[in-house]
Amino acid sequence: MALSFAHKIETPFGIEKVKKEGKIYQSENFGVAVLKRSDSGVSKFAVVVSNKISKLAVNRNRIKRAITDALRINLKKAPEGYDLVFLTKRSILIKTTEEVVKEVKSFLEKTSFNNNFK
């Protein structure tokens, strides 16, 4: 299943704004640009997988599906009122979907419970 539209950053402009103005947190296989919004509504997400990661669309799409699935499963762990853009690293190519889901879950738990987004 996909992430609902209410939880997606709609435009490329929105993604670029988060990348430029947000704070970037690093994980082993991805970085996450985080930007606090003025409202306290549901958090919104985007996943960026560059052609530099893999030239094959099938690999890029697998990575996007794995991350969005992990976000959908762990939506309650995400803090309210933030925009998050996941920027993948090349090392994610060798990870299984289960490993990606586990890493996203770990990232969301660690950052939301410790209030590192402030």
Protein backbone atom coordinates (compact mmCIF):
# COMPACT_ATOMS: atom_id res chain seq x y z
CA MET A 1 0.00 0.00 0.00
CA ALA A 2 1.10 3.51 -0.68
CA LEU A 3 1.36 6.48 1.64
CA SER A 4 -1.88 8.52 1.60
CA PHE A 5 -1.94 11.80 -0.28
CA ALA A 6 -2.48 13.72 2.97
CA HIS A 7 1.01 12.64 4.06
CA LYS A 8 2.89 13.53 0.86
CA ILE A 9 4.72 16.72 0.00
CA GLU A 10 2.84 17.71 -3.14
CA THR A 11 5.24 19.75 -5.25
CA PRO A 12 8.90 19.71 -6.27
CA PHE A 13 9.04 23.26 -4.88
CA GLY A 14 8.01 21.91 -1.47
CA ILE A 15 10.76 19.29 -1.59
CA GLU A 16 13.40 21.87 -2.53
CA LYS A 17 12.23 24.19 0.27
CA VAL A 18 12.69 21.41 2.85
CA LYS A 19 16.11 20.49 1.42
CA LYS A 20 17.33 24.10 1.51
CA GLU A 21 15.77 25.39 4.73
CA GLY A 22 15.55 22.20 6.78
CA LYS A 23 18.06 20.53 9.06
CA ILE A 24 19.58 17.30 7.73
CA TYR A 25 19.94 14.22 9.91
CA GLN A 26 22.08 11.33 8.70
CA SER A 27 21.42 7.64 8.92
CA GLU A 28 23.49 4.78 7.52
CA ASN A 29 21.55 4.52 4.23
CA PHE A 30 19.76 7.84 3.96
CA GLY A 31 19.72 11.43 5.08
CA VAL A 32 16.52 13.16 6.16
CA ALA A 33 15.90 16.86 5.67
CA VAL A 34 13.47 18.03 8.36
CA LEU A 35 11.57 21.32 8.37
CA LYS A 36 9.09 22.46 11.04
CA ARG A 37 5.92 23.89 9.53
CA SER A 38 3.93 26.73 11.08
CA ASP A 39 0.86 24.49 11.48
CA SER A 40 0.64 21.42 13.67
CA GLY A 41 -1.10 19.17 11.15
CA VAL A 42 0.00 15.75 9.99
CA SER A 43 3.61 15.35 8.96
CA LYS A 44 4.34 15.17 5.25
CA PHE A 45 6.99 13.08 3.54
CA ALA A 46 8.86 12.75 0.26
CA VAL A 47 11.47 10.25 -0.93
CA VAL A 48 14.22 11.30 -3.34
CA VAL A 49 16.19 8.60 -5.13
CA SER A 50 18.60 10.14 -7.60
CA ASN A 51 19.79 8.65 -10.87
CA LYS A 52 23.21 8.68 -9.21
CA ILE A 53 21.98 5.95 -6.84
CA SER A 54 21.00 3.62 -9.68
CA LYS A 55 20.47 4.07 -13.39
CA LEU A 56 17.79 1.37 -13.33
CA ALA A 57 14.28 2.59 -12.58
CA VAL A 58 13.37 -0.78 -11.08
CA ASN A 59 15.99 -0.27 -8.32
CA ARG A 60 14.97 3.33 -7.65
CA ASN A 61 11.30 2.35 -7.44
CA ARG A 62 12.04 -0.56 -5.09
CA ILE A 63 13.83 1.82 -2.73
CA LYS A 64 10.97 4.34 -2.86
CA ARG A 65 8.41 1.62 -2.18
CA ALA A 66 10.41 0.28 0.76
CA ILE A 67 10.75 3.71 2.39
CA THR A 68 7.13 4.77 1.79
CA ASP A 69 5.92 1.42 3.11
CA ALA A 70 8.05 1.88 6.23
CA LEU A 71 6.62 5.38 6.68
CA ARG A 72 3.06 4.11 6.29
CA ILE A 73 3.62 1.40 8.88
CA ASN A 74 5.32 3.76 11.36
CA LEU A 75 3.22 6.88 10.79
CA LYS A 76 2.26 7.16 14.45
CA LYS A 77 5.93 7.44 15.45
CA ALA A 78 6.43 10.55 13.28
CA PRO A 79 6.14 13.93 15.00
CA GLU A 80 3.26 16.25 14.04
CA GLY A 81 3.75 19.43 11.98
CA TYR A 82 6.95 18.54 10.12
CA ASP A 83 7.98 18.00 6.52
CA LEU A 84 10.55 15.22 6.02
CA VAL A 85 12.43 14.50 2.81
CA PHE A 86 14.33 11.21 2.68
CA LEU A 87 17.52 11.52 0.60
CA THR A 88 18.89 8.08 -0.16
CA LYS A 89 22.52 7.01 -0.27
CA ARG A 90 24.04 4.47 -2.63
CA SER A 91 24.54 1.95 0.20
CA ILE A 92 20.77 1.41 0.34
CA LEU A 93 20.91 -0.61 -2.90
CA ILE A 94 22.25 -3.71 -1.16
CA LYS A 95 19.70 -3.56 1.67
CA THR A 96 16.56 -5.68 1.70
CA THR A 97 13.15 -4.11 2.13
CA GLU A 98 12.97 -5.45 5.68
CA GLU A 99 16.30 -3.81 6.56
CA VAL A 100 15.13 -0.49 5.11
CA VAL A 101 11.85 -0.69 7.06
CA LYS A 102 13.77 -1.43 10.26
CA GLU A 103 16.14 1.52 9.70
CA VAL A 104 13.29 3.97 8.97
CA LYS A 105 11.45 2.76 12.10
CA SER A 106 14.60 3.18 14.17
CA PHE A 107 15.14 6.69 12.81
CA LEU A 108 11.58 7.80 13.55
CA GLU A 109 11.61 6.32 17.06
CA LYS A 110 14.97 7.81 17.94
CA THR A 111 14.23 11.31 16.69
CA SER A 112 10.64 11.72 17.82
CA PHE A 113 11.15 10.42 21.36
CA ASN A 114 14.29 12.46 21.95
CA ASN A 115 12.77 15.61 20.41
CA ASN A 116 15.79 16.04 18.13
CA PHE A 117 13.68 17.87 15.53
CA LYS A 118 13.54 21.11 17.51
